[in-house]
Amino acid sequence: MRWHSRTSNTMAENKNEKTLEQLREEAIEAIKTCYDPEIPVNIYDLGLIYELTITPERNAEVIMTLTSPFCPVAGTLPEEVRQKVQAVEGINEATLDVVFDPPWDKDMMSEEAKLALGFM
């Protein structure tokens, strides 16, 4: 893989406040509710999320791609992802960038996704 996640594991100042890693995990769960309508696997397991960072200010920064620049949901899916991440309790703001480098291919899918789609 040519991308990485940057997260900080600082402890929450308030015991009721979620850690940055907890926020990241909840954001991933929110993203897993998003599906490419042409493929019956969530976009996280498809490998479309290249990076998800929760900053010390509790803002989420998402870098994602699409299976193709001509994907029929190219105009709506990124905003759906951004809104679902921003809705996670404890995240102040979510920003999202769509990139096409590196281009997506089936090798970026999780093993579960490959199995579900018959690639294993």
Protein backbone atom coordinates (compact mmCIF):
# COMPACT_ATOMS: atom_id res chain seq x y z
CA MET A 1 0.00 0.00 0.00
CA ARG A 2 1.24 3.45 -0.80
CA TRP A 3 -0.77 5.38 1.76
CA HIS A 4 -0.89 5.47 5.49
CA SER A 5 -3.02 6.67 8.36
CA ARG A 6 -1.80 9.28 10.74
CA THR A 7 -3.54 9.26 14.09
CA SER A 8 -2.56 10.58 17.45
CA ASN A 9 -3.21 8.47 20.52
CA THR A 10 -3.36 11.30 23.03
CA MET A 11 -5.46 10.61 26.11
CA ALA A 12 -8.73 12.44 26.49
CA GLU A 13 -8.52 15.28 28.99
CA ASN A 14 -12.02 14.58 30.25
CA LYS A 15 -12.93 11.00 31.16
CA ASN A 16 -16.20 11.39 29.23
CA GLU A 17 -14.37 12.59 26.13
CA LYS A 18 -13.52 10.03 23.50
CA THR A 19 -9.90 9.48 22.55
CA LEU A 20 -8.78 10.30 19.03
CA GLU A 21 -8.48 6.59 18.28
CA GLN A 22 -12.06 6.00 19.50
CA LEU A 23 -13.27 8.80 17.24
CA ARG A 24 -11.34 7.27 14.33
CA GLU A 25 -12.89 3.84 14.95
CA GLU A 26 -16.39 5.34 15.13
CA ALA A 27 -15.73 7.27 11.91
CA ILE A 28 -14.66 4.01 10.22
CA GLU A 29 -17.89 2.35 11.40
CA ALA A 30 -19.86 5.28 9.95
CA ILE A 31 -18.02 4.97 6.64
CA LYS A 32 -18.81 1.24 6.56
CA THR A 33 -22.49 2.19 6.15
CA CYS A 34 -21.69 3.71 2.74
CA TYR A 35 -21.89 1.49 -0.32
CA ASP A 36 -20.98 1.84 -3.97
CA PRO A 37 -24.38 1.04 -5.54
CA GLU A 38 -22.79 -1.20 -8.16
CA ILE A 39 -20.82 -3.33 -5.68
CA PRO A 40 -22.47 -4.97 -2.63
CA VAL A 41 -19.54 -4.21 -0.29
CA ASN A 42 -19.04 -1.12 1.88
CA ILE A 43 -16.57 1.44 0.57
CA TYR A 44 -14.14 1.01 3.47
CA ASP A 45 -13.68 -2.69 2.75
CA LEU A 46 -13.50 -1.89 -0.97
CA GLY A 47 -10.37 0.10 -0.18
CA LEU A 48 -11.77 3.44 -1.30
CA ILE A 49 -10.70 5.21 1.91
CA TYR A 50 -6.99 5.95 1.55
CA GLU A 51 -6.57 7.92 4.77
CA LEU A 52 -8.63 8.92 7.78
CA THR A 53 -7.04 11.24 10.29
CA ILE A 54 -8.53 12.72 13.44
CA THR A 55 -6.62 15.85 14.37
CA PRO A 56 -5.93 16.95 17.96
CA GLU A 57 -8.67 19.56 17.37
CA ARG A 58 -11.06 16.63 16.78
CA ASN A 59 -11.53 17.34 13.10
CA ALA A 60 -11.69 14.46 10.64
CA GLU A 61 -9.70 14.54 7.42
CA VAL A 62 -10.63 11.89 4.86
CA ILE A 63 -8.83 11.08 1.64
CA MET A 64 -10.71 8.71 -0.61
CA THR A 65 -11.01 7.58 -4.19
CA LEU A 66 -13.69 6.10 -6.37
CA THR A 67 -13.62 2.89 -8.37
CA SER A 68 -13.60 5.10 -11.47
CA PRO A 69 -13.64 8.85 -12.18
CA PHE A 70 -16.84 8.10 -14.09
CA CYS A 71 -18.51 6.36 -11.14
CA PRO A 72 -22.26 7.13 -11.25
CA VAL A 73 -22.19 8.34 -7.62
CA ALA A 74 -19.08 10.50 -7.99
CA GLY A 75 -21.18 13.59 -7.26
CA THR A 76 -22.95 12.21 -4.18
CA LEU A 77 -20.89 9.48 -2.48
CA PRO A 78 -18.06 11.73 -1.21
CA GLU A 79 -20.55 14.11 0.41
CA GLU A 80 -22.40 11.16 1.96
CA VAL A 81 -19.11 9.96 3.48
CA ARG A 82 -18.24 13.45 4.76
CA GLN A 83 -21.67 13.89 6.35
CA LYS A 84 -21.59 10.49 8.07
CA VAL A 85 -18.12 11.15 9.48
CA GLN A 86 -19.11 14.62 10.65
CA ALA A 87 -22.18 13.13 12.38
CA VAL A 88 -19.96 11.06 14.69
CA GLU A 89 -20.40 12.45 18.19
CA GLY A 90 -17.19 14.20 19.20
CA ILE A 91 -16.00 15.13 15.71
CA ASN A 92 -16.16 18.88 15.20
CA GLU A 93 -15.72 19.10 11.44
CA ALA A 94 -15.05 16.70 8.58
CA THR A 95 -13.25 17.49 5.35
CA LEU A 96 -12.88 15.15 2.43
CA ASP A 97 -10.66 15.06 -0.63
CA VAL A 98 -11.21 12.74 -3.58
CA VAL A 99 -8.00 11.64 -5.31
CA PHE A 100 -7.27 9.27 -8.18
CA ASP A 101 -3.60 8.66 -7.46
CA PRO A 102 -2.97 5.89 -6.77
CA PRO A 103 -5.81 4.59 -8.93
CA TRP A 104 -8.09 2.10 -7.23
CA ASP A 105 -7.87 -1.58 -8.12
CA LYS A 106 -9.24 -4.78 -6.62
CA ASP A 107 -6.00 -5.45 -4.73
CA MET A 108 -6.95 -2.60 -2.35
CA MET A 109 -9.99 -4.51 -1.07
CA SER A 110 -10.04 -6.22 2.31
CA GLU A 111 -9.92 -10.01 2.35
CA GLU A 112 -13.60 -10.01 3.40
CA ALA A 113 -14.53 -7.91 0.35
CA LYS A 114 -12.51 -10.11 -2.00
CA LEU A 115 -14.21 -13.19 -0.56
CA ALA A 116 -17.69 -11.63 -0.83
CA LEU A 117 -17.06 -10.72 -4.47
CA GLY A 118 -15.53 -14.06 -5.42
CA PHE A 119 -11.94 -12.89 -5.86
CA MET A 120 -10.62 -15.50 -3.36
